[in-house]
Amino acid sequence: MQETVKVVKFGGSSLADAEHFRMVEQIVRAEPERRYVVPSAPGKRSSGDTKVTDMLYECYNLASRGGNIDEAFQRIIDRYELIIQGLGLTLDLSEEYATIKASFKLHAGRDYAASRGEYLNGIVLSKLLGIDFIDAANVIRFKEDGSFDDDTTDSILHAELQRHYRAVIPGFYGSMPNGTIKTFSRGGSDITGSIVAKAARAALYENWTDVSGVLMADPRIVENPQGINYITYHELRELSYMGFSVLHEDSIFPLRKAKIPINIRNTNDPSAKGTMIVPNGSSIPDEKHVITGVAGKKGFTVLHIEKAHMHSEIGFARRVLEAIEDEGITFEHLPSGIDTMSVVLSGEITGEQRSRILNAICVSCLPEYIGFEDGLALVAVVGRGMVNNKGTAARVTSAVASAGINIRMIDQGSSEISIILGVDEKDFETALRVIYEEFVK
C-alpha cells in the first residue's frame, strides 16, 4: 500500500518571525504525512514592516548603482539572525551571507537577489525541523526562453524526492539551462508548492497562509462574507480571474492536471478546516447556497459594433479580432447579438490605438456603427449549483435591477457555472453586495 504524502507550503506571513516558525513546526509535526515543506521568504511582522524580498530588491538595486550596501545588507542579516536566535538554533549562516553579498556586488541579477529570501528561510526551517534541505535551483528548471520546463522538472524533482523521505524545498525560484537563477512571478512560492506536490505524487497539497480559506466575496466590499467549504478548480479559476487572490493563479494548473486537491489553511488557526479545492464536484457534499462566490473588477473598455446581417457575413468576427490582435491586445468577453457585437477589453486603450483599431475595422468590416465605451466593471457570479438550477439568472438580474443599477452587458458561459454582468464602475460595489445578499441570507 502506497504511503500517503502531503506537501505543505507556508506563506511569508506564516514565517515572519520566530513565533510563527514555531507554529509552522507544530503544524508539520502534527501529521507524519506532511513530508515535504515549501517556505516563502519572511513576510511583514506588522503593517509598517518590510518583507525580506523587498529588502533584497532594495539592497540589490543599491549595489547595481554602485552604492555601499553594508547597512542595507546588515538589516537582512539581522532579520534572519533574530529568527535563528528566537528559535534557539545553533546555525551559522555567515558563509551564506558572504556569498550572497559578494554576488550582489558582482551584479548576479535581480532574480538571484529575490530568491535568496526563500533560500535562507529554507535552510533555517530545515534546521528547525531536522529534515533535509533541497535547493530549488537543482530541481526546478526553466527553458532557454524563460518559460517553466514542466516535464524536465517533474522528472528531476520526482527522482530527487525519492532520495529524501522528508525535505524542505524553498519556493519562488529555479534555474535556467546555464545555471543562473530564475524566479517565478511575485507570489510564485505557490507555484513551487504545486510543482512539488505533483512531483511527490501527493494525496493533498496544503497551502498555509493568514486566512481561514476562501471567502464568498471580498470582505472589503461585503461585510463578514461566509467562507467556502468546497470549491472546484473550475470555479476557482473563474473567481481568480475576477480578483480572488488566495492562491497564485498559475499554481492551480499543475495540481489540476494531476487531480490533486488543495486545502487552504490558516497558520494562526490550525484547527480551522479551511477551504478544500477539488478537481470536480462529484464528491462534494451538497452546499446550502446556489452560488459559490461573487467577485469582480473595474477598468474594462467595450468596443461596440453594429451592422445589419453581420451574423451571416463569413469572417466578420475574425476581422474584428484581428484588428485588436494587431495592437497586442487580448479580449476578455465577446457578447453578441444578430446584428451587434461587443468586445470587452481590459486595461487602458490609448487614443492612438483606438484610432488604429477603428480605422482597421471600418475598412475590413464596413460597420454601420462603431465606438468605444469606458468605465465598465464586470461582476462574476460563480457556482456549480447554478447548473440546471432554474431562475438563477433571473435572481441575479432582479437583485441588480432592484438596486437601480443598469446592466450594460450579460454573458453566461456554456458550462453554466458563471454569469458575468457588466455595470458602470460607480455601481460596482453595490451590485456585488446585492447579488451576495440575494443568495446568502
Protein backbone atom coordinates (compact mmCIF):
# COMPACT_ATOMS: atom_id res chain seq x y z
CA MET A 1 0.00 0.00 0.00
CA GLN A 2 1.42 3.36 -1.04
CA GLU A 3 2.08 5.73 1.84
CA THR A 4 0.06 8.96 1.92
CA VAL A 5 2.13 12.06 1.18
CA LYS A 6 1.17 15.66 1.90
CA VAL A 7 3.06 18.70 0.65
CA VAL A 8 2.72 21.82 2.78
CA LYS A 9 3.54 25.36 1.69
CA PHE A 10 3.82 28.29 4.09
CA GLY A 11 3.48 31.90 3.01
CA GLY A 12 5.58 34.81 4.16
CA SER A 13 3.15 35.86 6.88
CA SER A 14 3.41 32.33 8.31
CA LEU A 15 7.21 32.64 8.57
CA ALA A 16 7.62 36.30 9.52
CA ASP A 17 9.30 35.69 12.87
CA ALA A 18 10.42 33.02 15.34
CA GLU A 19 6.97 32.76 16.91
CA HIS A 20 5.43 31.88 13.55
CA PHE A 21 8.24 29.42 12.82
CA ARG A 22 7.23 27.59 15.99
CA MET A 23 3.62 27.47 14.79
CA VAL A 24 4.81 26.03 11.48
CA GLU A 25 6.92 23.45 13.31
CA GLN A 26 3.89 22.29 15.32
CA ILE A 27 1.75 22.05 12.19
CA VAL A 28 4.32 19.98 10.28
CA ARG A 29 4.98 17.65 13.22
CA ALA A 30 1.25 17.19 13.90
CA GLU A 31 0.87 14.84 10.91
CA PRO A 32 3.64 12.46 9.75
CA GLU A 33 2.18 12.61 6.23
CA ARG A 34 3.40 16.24 5.93
CA ARG A 35 6.72 15.21 4.48
CA TYR A 36 7.69 17.98 2.06
CA VAL A 37 7.66 21.64 3.09
CA VAL A 38 7.84 24.67 0.79
CA PRO A 39 8.59 28.01 2.51
CA SER A 40 8.30 31.59 1.30
CA ALA A 41 10.64 34.37 2.46
CA PRO A 42 9.78 36.11 5.77
CA GLY A 43 6.87 38.48 5.32
CA LYS A 44 5.76 41.51 7.28
CA ARG A 45 5.66 41.25 11.07
CA SER A 46 3.36 44.28 11.29
CA SER A 47 1.69 46.74 8.94
CA GLY A 48 4.71 49.05 8.98
CA ASP A 49 7.26 46.29 8.45
CA THR A 50 9.09 45.36 5.22
CA LYS A 51 9.08 41.96 3.55
CA VAL A 52 12.52 40.37 3.21
CA THR A 53 12.04 40.06 -0.56
CA ASP A 54 11.57 43.83 -0.77
CA MET A 55 14.66 44.34 1.39
CA LEU A 56 16.64 42.16 -1.01
CA TYR A 57 15.40 44.07 -4.06
CA GLU A 58 16.29 47.38 -2.42
CA CYS A 59 19.76 46.15 -1.48
CA TYR A 60 20.45 44.76 -4.94
CA ASN A 61 19.26 47.94 -6.64
CA LEU A 62 21.68 49.88 -4.46
CA ALA A 63 24.52 47.53 -5.44
CA SER A 64 23.59 47.91 -9.13
CA ARG A 65 24.01 51.66 -8.82
CA GLY A 66 27.44 51.18 -7.27
CA GLY A 67 26.31 52.19 -3.80
CA ASN A 68 27.53 50.92 -0.45
CA ILE A 69 25.25 48.04 0.61
CA ASP A 70 26.80 47.32 4.02
CA GLU A 71 23.99 48.87 6.04
CA ALA A 72 21.15 47.57 3.85
CA PHE A 73 22.55 44.05 3.80
CA GLN A 74 23.13 44.07 7.56
CA ARG A 75 19.41 44.69 8.05
CA ILE A 76 18.72 41.50 6.10
CA ILE A 77 21.23 39.57 8.20
CA ASP A 78 19.70 40.96 11.39
CA ARG A 79 16.25 39.77 10.32
CA TYR A 80 17.41 36.17 9.91
CA GLU A 81 19.63 36.21 12.99
CA LEU A 82 16.65 37.40 15.06
CA ILE A 83 14.68 34.37 13.86
CA ILE A 84 17.57 31.96 14.49
CA GLN A 85 18.19 33.32 17.98
CA GLY A 86 14.48 33.31 18.79
CA LEU A 87 14.34 29.63 17.87
CA GLY A 88 17.45 28.83 19.89
CA LEU A 89 19.13 27.17 16.91
CA THR A 90 22.82 26.52 16.51
CA LEU A 91 23.12 27.67 12.91
CA ASP A 92 25.92 29.68 11.32
CA LEU A 93 24.92 31.33 8.04
CA SER A 94 27.95 33.61 7.81
CA GLU A 95 29.31 31.90 4.69
CA GLU A 96 25.90 32.11 3.01
CA TYR A 97 25.64 35.82 3.84
CA ALA A 98 29.15 36.47 2.48
CA THR A 99 28.40 34.63 -0.77
CA ILE A 100 25.15 36.50 -1.31
CA LYS A 101 26.67 39.89 -0.55
CA ALA A 102 29.60 39.25 -2.89
CA SER A 103 27.19 38.12 -5.63
CA PHE A 104 25.19 41.34 -5.22
CA LYS A 105 28.34 43.37 -5.79
CA LEU A 106 29.08 41.29 -8.89
CA HIS A 107 25.58 42.02 -10.21
CA ALA A 108 24.34 38.42 -10.14
CA GLY A 109 20.85 39.52 -11.22
CA ARG A 110 17.55 40.61 -9.65
CA ASP A 111 16.17 37.09 -9.80
CA TYR A 112 19.13 35.78 -7.83
CA ALA A 113 18.71 38.58 -5.28
CA ALA A 114 15.00 37.99 -4.80
CA SER A 115 15.38 34.21 -4.47
CA ARG A 116 17.77 34.43 -1.51
CA GLY A 117 14.89 35.15 0.87
CA GLU A 118 13.35 31.74 0.26
CA TYR A 119 16.77 30.08 0.06
CA LEU A 120 17.85 31.28 3.53
CA ASN A 121 14.42 30.63 5.02
CA GLY A 122 14.56 27.08 3.69
CA ILE A 123 17.88 26.45 5.42
CA VAL A 124 16.55 27.80 8.73
CA LEU A 125 13.34 25.78 8.51
CA SER A 126 15.14 22.54 7.59
CA LYS A 127 17.39 23.02 10.63
CA LEU A 128 14.39 23.62 12.90
CA LEU A 129 12.53 20.56 11.61
CA GLY A 130 15.64 18.39 11.46
CA ILE A 131 14.98 17.32 7.87
CA ASP A 132 16.87 17.56 4.56
CA PHE A 133 17.27 20.73 2.50
CA ILE A 134 16.90 20.59 -1.30
CA ASP A 135 17.99 23.69 -3.19
CA ALA A 136 15.23 24.52 -5.68
CA ALA A 137 17.88 25.60 -8.19
CA ASN A 138 18.86 21.93 -8.55
CA VAL A 139 15.36 20.59 -9.21
CA ILE A 140 13.17 23.39 -10.66
CA ARG A 141 14.07 24.05 -14.30
CA PHE A 142 13.26 26.76 -16.83
CA LYS A 143 13.73 26.70 -20.61
CA GLU A 144 16.01 28.97 -22.64
CA ASP A 145 13.10 31.34 -23.31
CA GLY A 146 12.43 31.70 -19.58
CA SER A 147 9.27 29.60 -19.51
CA PHE A 148 8.88 26.87 -16.91
CA ASP A 149 10.05 23.42 -18.03
CA ASP A 150 7.30 21.22 -16.61
CA ASP A 151 8.38 17.82 -17.93
CA THR A 152 12.08 18.15 -17.08
CA THR A 153 11.30 19.49 -13.62
CA ASP A 154 8.82 16.74 -12.83
CA SER A 155 11.32 14.05 -13.83
CA ILE A 156 14.26 15.55 -11.89
CA LEU A 157 12.25 16.55 -8.84
CA HIS A 158 10.39 13.25 -8.57
CA ALA A 159 13.69 11.35 -8.61
CA GLU A 160 15.22 13.70 -6.01
CA LEU A 161 12.25 13.42 -3.66
CA GLN A 162 12.58 9.64 -3.79
CA ARG A 163 16.01 10.09 -2.17
CA HIS A 164 14.66 12.25 0.67
CA TYR A 165 11.91 10.89 2.89
CA ARG A 166 11.32 14.39 4.32
CA ALA A 167 12.68 17.67 2.98
CA VAL A 168 12.35 21.44 2.72
CA ILE A 169 12.32 22.88 -0.81
CA PRO A 170 12.34 26.70 -0.92
CA GLY A 171 9.72 28.33 -3.13
CA PHE A 172 9.74 31.00 -5.82
CA TYR A 173 12.81 30.07 -7.87
CA GLY A 174 14.64 27.54 -10.03
CA SER A 175 17.42 27.67 -12.60
CA MET A 176 17.98 28.32 -16.28
CA PRO A 177 19.85 25.82 -18.50
CA ASN A 178 23.08 27.80 -17.92
CA GLY A 179 22.67 27.54 -14.14
CA THR A 180 21.61 31.13 -13.43
CA ILE A 181 18.74 31.67 -11.01
CA LYS A 182 15.26 32.35 -12.43
CA THR A 183 12.22 33.25 -10.35
CA PHE A 184 8.52 32.83 -10.95
CA SER A 185 6.36 35.95 -10.88
CA ARG A 186 5.78 37.59 -7.50
CA GLY A 187 3.96 35.20 -5.16
CA GLY A 188 5.47 32.27 -7.04
CA SER A 189 6.08 30.13 -3.96
CA ASP A 190 2.52 28.91 -4.50
CA ILE A 191 3.68 27.63 -7.90
CA THR A 192 6.65 25.80 -6.36
CA GLY A 193 4.35 24.19 -3.82
CA SER A 194 2.08 22.82 -6.52
CA ILE A 195 5.06 21.61 -8.57
CA VAL A 196 6.45 19.74 -5.56
CA ALA A 197 3.02 18.23 -4.80
CA LYS A 198 2.76 16.98 -8.38
CA ALA A 199 6.30 15.53 -8.36
CA ALA A 200 5.72 13.90 -4.97
CA ARG A 201 2.51 12.30 -6.28
CA ALA A 202 0.92 13.80 -3.18
CA ALA A 203 -2.55 12.95 -1.93
CA LEU A 204 -3.04 16.55 -0.77
CA TYR A 205 -1.39 19.95 -1.10
CA GLU A 206 -1.86 22.18 1.93
CA ASN A 207 -1.35 25.91 1.40
CA TRP A 208 -0.95 27.63 4.77
CA THR A 209 -1.48 31.39 4.89
CA ASP A 210 -3.02 34.01 7.18
CA VAL A 211 -6.67 33.44 6.20
CA SER A 212 -9.00 30.56 7.01
CA GLY A 213 -9.78 29.64 3.44
CA VAL A 214 -11.58 31.35 0.57
CA LEU A 215 -14.45 33.74 1.25
CA MET A 216 -17.59 34.02 -0.86
CA ALA A 217 -16.95 37.71 -1.53
CA ASP A 218 -14.40 40.46 -0.95
CA PRO A 219 -14.65 41.44 2.76
CA ARG A 220 -13.67 45.00 1.81
CA ILE A 221 -16.99 45.25 -0.05
CA VAL A 222 -19.28 42.72 1.63
CA GLU A 223 -19.42 42.75 5.42
CA ASN A 224 -18.41 39.43 7.01
CA PRO A 225 -18.85 37.19 3.95
CA GLN A 226 -19.19 33.50 4.62
CA GLY A 227 -16.35 31.09 3.94
CA ILE A 228 -16.34 28.49 1.18
CA ASN A 229 -16.00 24.89 2.37
CA TYR A 230 -15.52 23.27 -1.05
CA ILE A 231 -14.74 24.74 -4.44
CA THR A 232 -13.76 23.12 -7.74
CA TYR A 233 -10.72 24.09 -9.78
CA HIS A 234 -13.03 25.44 -12.48
CA GLU A 235 -14.90 27.67 -10.04
CA LEU A 236 -11.66 28.94 -8.51
CA ARG A 237 -10.31 29.74 -11.97
CA GLU A 238 -13.39 31.82 -12.74
CA LEU A 239 -13.17 33.68 -9.42
CA SER A 240 -9.37 34.13 -9.60
CA TYR A 241 -9.78 35.85 -12.95
CA MET A 242 -12.05 38.33 -11.19
CA GLY A 243 -9.66 39.10 -8.38
CA PHE A 244 -9.71 36.27 -5.81
CA SER A 245 -6.10 36.31 -4.61
CA VAL A 246 -5.77 33.50 -2.06
CA LEU A 247 -3.67 31.44 -4.49
CA HIS A 248 -1.28 32.46 -7.25
CA GLU A 249 -3.31 31.81 -10.42
CA ASP A 250 -0.56 29.80 -12.16
CA SER A 251 -0.27 27.44 -9.20
CA ILE A 252 -3.62 25.84 -9.93
CA PHE A 253 -2.69 24.18 -13.21
CA PRO A 254 -0.02 21.62 -12.16
CA LEU A 255 -2.38 20.33 -9.48
CA ARG A 256 -5.44 20.37 -11.70
CA LYS A 257 -3.53 18.30 -14.25
CA ALA A 258 -2.55 15.78 -11.57
CA LYS A 259 -6.02 15.92 -9.92
CA ILE A 260 -4.50 16.72 -6.53
CA PRO A 261 -6.81 18.57 -4.12
CA ILE A 262 -5.68 21.75 -2.36
CA ASN A 263 -6.51 22.70 1.22
CA ILE A 264 -6.24 26.41 2.10
CA ARG A 265 -5.43 26.63 5.83
CA ASN A 266 -4.71 29.33 8.41
CA THR A 267 -1.38 29.10 10.27
CA ASN A 268 -2.81 31.22 13.09
CA ASP A 269 -5.86 28.94 13.42
CA PRO A 270 -4.71 25.42 12.51
CA SER A 271 -7.91 23.84 13.86
CA ALA A 272 -9.98 25.56 11.16
CA LYS A 273 -10.68 23.22 8.24
CA GLY A 274 -10.30 25.99 5.67
CA THR A 275 -11.33 25.59 2.04
CA MET A 276 -10.89 22.41 0.03
CA ILE A 277 -10.24 22.90 -3.69
CA VAL A 278 -11.07 19.73 -5.63
CA PRO A 279 -10.88 18.55 -9.27
CA ASN A 280 -14.65 18.21 -9.67
CA GLY A 281 -17.86 18.47 -7.74
CA SER A 282 -18.91 14.81 -7.82
CA SER A 283 -17.64 14.06 -4.30
CA ILE A 284 -18.57 17.39 -2.70
CA PRO A 285 -21.35 17.42 -0.10
CA ASP A 286 -24.40 19.42 -1.11
CA GLU A 287 -23.92 23.10 -0.30
CA LYS A 288 -26.72 25.26 1.10
CA HIS A 289 -26.10 28.06 -1.40
CA VAL A 290 -26.73 28.05 -5.14
CA ILE A 291 -23.66 30.19 -5.78
CA THR A 292 -20.10 29.52 -4.61
CA GLY A 293 -18.87 33.09 -4.76
CA VAL A 294 -19.21 36.52 -6.34
CA ALA A 295 -16.30 38.71 -7.43
CA GLY A 296 -15.47 41.45 -9.89
CA LYS A 297 -13.07 44.00 -11.29
CA LYS A 298 -13.15 47.52 -12.66
CA GLY A 299 -11.24 49.05 -15.56
CA PHE A 300 -12.80 47.50 -18.66
CA THR A 301 -13.48 49.12 -22.04
CA VAL A 302 -16.12 47.95 -24.53
CA LEU A 303 -15.93 48.16 -28.30
CA HIS A 304 -19.46 48.24 -29.75
CA ILE A 305 -20.12 47.35 -33.39
CA GLU A 306 -23.44 47.28 -35.27
CA LYS A 307 -24.17 46.08 -38.79
CA ALA A 308 -27.28 44.57 -40.32
CA HIS A 309 -26.95 40.84 -41.10
CA MET A 310 -23.44 40.62 -39.63
CA HIS A 311 -24.33 37.11 -38.38
CA SER A 312 -24.43 35.87 -41.99
CA GLU A 313 -21.20 37.58 -43.05
CA ILE A 314 -18.44 34.96 -43.01
CA GLY A 315 -15.27 36.07 -41.19
CA PHE A 316 -16.79 39.21 -39.65
CA ALA A 317 -15.78 38.42 -36.06
CA ARG A 318 -12.35 37.20 -37.17
CA ARG A 319 -11.61 40.51 -38.90
CA VAL A 320 -12.69 42.47 -35.82
CA LEU A 321 -10.47 40.41 -33.53
CA GLU A 322 -7.52 40.63 -35.93
CA ALA A 323 -7.68 44.44 -35.71
CA ILE A 324 -7.48 44.15 -31.92
CA GLU A 325 -4.77 41.48 -32.04
CA ASP A 326 -2.60 43.67 -34.29
CA GLU A 327 -2.39 46.13 -31.38
CA GLY A 328 -1.20 43.41 -28.99
CA ILE A 329 -4.48 43.46 -27.07
CA THR A 330 -6.42 40.39 -25.92
CA PHE A 331 -10.18 40.41 -25.49
CA GLU A 332 -11.93 39.35 -22.29
CA HIS A 333 -15.50 38.65 -23.41
CA LEU A 334 -17.45 38.66 -26.65
CA PRO A 335 -21.19 39.12 -26.01
CA SER A 336 -23.02 39.40 -29.33
CA GLY A 337 -26.42 39.60 -30.96
CA ILE A 338 -27.64 39.02 -34.52
CA ASP A 339 -26.70 42.49 -35.73
CA THR A 340 -24.49 43.64 -32.82
CA MET A 341 -21.12 42.64 -31.44
CA SER A 342 -19.37 43.83 -28.30
CA VAL A 343 -15.73 43.16 -27.43
CA VAL A 344 -14.77 43.67 -23.78
CA LEU A 345 -11.14 44.74 -23.34
CA SER A 346 -9.12 45.04 -20.14
CA GLY A 347 -6.72 47.88 -19.34
CA GLU A 348 -6.11 51.27 -20.87
CA ILE A 349 -6.62 51.56 -24.61
CA THR A 350 -4.76 54.65 -25.80
CA GLY A 351 -6.18 57.22 -28.20
CA GLU A 352 -3.80 56.20 -30.98
CA GLN A 353 -4.62 52.53 -30.51
CA ARG A 354 -8.31 53.30 -30.61
CA SER A 355 -7.94 55.20 -33.85
CA ARG A 356 -5.99 52.40 -35.50
CA ILE A 357 -8.49 49.77 -34.34
CA LEU A 358 -11.48 51.81 -35.50
CA ASN A 359 -9.89 52.50 -38.88
CA ALA A 360 -8.93 48.86 -39.44
CA ILE A 361 -12.44 47.60 -38.59
CA CYS A 362 -14.11 50.28 -40.71
CA VAL A 363 -12.01 49.25 -43.72
CA SER A 364 -12.38 45.47 -43.26
CA CYS A 365 -15.94 45.23 -41.95
CA LEU A 366 -17.81 48.39 -43.07
CA PRO A 367 -19.89 48.65 -39.86
CA GLU A 368 -22.93 50.92 -39.58
CA TYR A 369 -21.84 51.99 -36.10
CA ILE A 370 -18.61 51.52 -34.14
CA GLY A 371 -17.39 53.12 -30.93
CA PHE A 372 -15.61 52.66 -27.61
CA GLU A 373 -17.20 52.98 -24.18
CA ASP A 374 -15.14 53.28 -20.97
CA GLY A 375 -15.87 52.78 -17.29
CA LEU A 376 -17.18 49.22 -17.32
CA ALA A 377 -16.94 46.93 -14.29
CA LEU A 378 -17.52 43.19 -14.50
CA VAL A 379 -19.17 41.12 -11.78
CA ALA A 380 -18.92 37.32 -11.93
CA VAL A 381 -21.43 35.11 -10.15
CA VAL A 382 -19.92 31.61 -9.94
CA GLY A 383 -21.23 28.29 -8.67
CA ARG A 384 -21.61 24.67 -9.67
CA GLY A 385 -25.06 24.82 -8.01
CA MET A 386 -26.20 27.14 -10.80
CA VAL A 387 -26.10 24.31 -13.36
CA ASN A 388 -29.66 23.35 -14.29
CA ASN A 389 -30.97 25.46 -11.39
CA LYS A 390 -33.93 27.32 -12.85
CA GLY A 391 -34.26 31.03 -12.25
CA THR A 392 -30.68 31.78 -11.17
CA ALA A 393 -30.06 34.35 -13.90
CA ALA A 394 -33.41 35.97 -13.15
CA ARG A 395 -32.50 36.28 -9.46
CA VAL A 396 -29.17 37.87 -10.35
CA THR A 397 -30.63 40.44 -12.74
CA SER A 398 -33.63 41.19 -10.48
CA ALA A 399 -31.37 41.87 -7.49
CA VAL A 400 -29.28 44.28 -9.53
CA ALA A 401 -32.30 45.98 -11.10
CA SER A 402 -33.97 46.40 -7.69
CA ALA A 403 -30.93 48.40 -6.61
CA GLY A 404 -31.49 50.77 -9.53
CA ILE A 405 -28.45 49.53 -11.43
CA ASN A 406 -28.41 49.37 -15.22
CA ILE A 407 -26.94 46.17 -16.67
CA ARG A 408 -24.79 47.10 -19.66
CA MET A 409 -23.76 43.55 -20.56
CA ILE A 410 -24.60 39.98 -19.57
CA ASP A 411 -22.70 36.85 -20.56
CA GLN A 412 -23.17 33.26 -19.41
CA GLY A 413 -20.56 30.60 -20.11
CA SER A 414 -21.51 27.37 -21.84
CA SER A 415 -20.63 25.40 -18.70
CA GLU A 416 -23.37 27.31 -16.84
CA ILE A 417 -21.22 27.76 -13.72
CA SER A 418 -20.79 31.51 -14.20
CA ILE A 419 -22.82 34.57 -15.11
CA ILE A 420 -20.93 37.78 -15.85
CA LEU A 421 -22.59 41.18 -15.67
CA GLY A 422 -21.24 44.47 -16.94
CA VAL A 423 -22.22 47.54 -14.92
CA ASP A 424 -20.99 51.12 -14.60
CA GLU A 425 -17.95 51.38 -12.33
CA LYS A 426 -19.89 53.62 -9.93
CA ASP A 427 -22.37 50.77 -9.36
CA PHE A 428 -19.76 48.03 -8.93
CA GLU A 429 -19.69 47.69 -5.13
CA THR A 430 -23.47 47.95 -4.79
CA ALA A 431 -24.02 45.29 -7.47
CA LEU A 432 -21.64 42.89 -5.76
CA ARG A 433 -23.32 43.40 -2.39
CA VAL A 434 -26.92 42.97 -3.59
CA ILE A 435 -26.06 39.80 -5.51
CA TYR A 436 -24.38 38.32 -2.44
CA GLU A 437 -27.35 39.25 -0.26
CA GLU A 438 -29.78 37.70 -2.75
CA PHE A 439 -28.16 34.27 -2.48
CA VAL A 440 -26.73 34.33 1.05
CA LYS A 441 -29.46 35.22 3.53
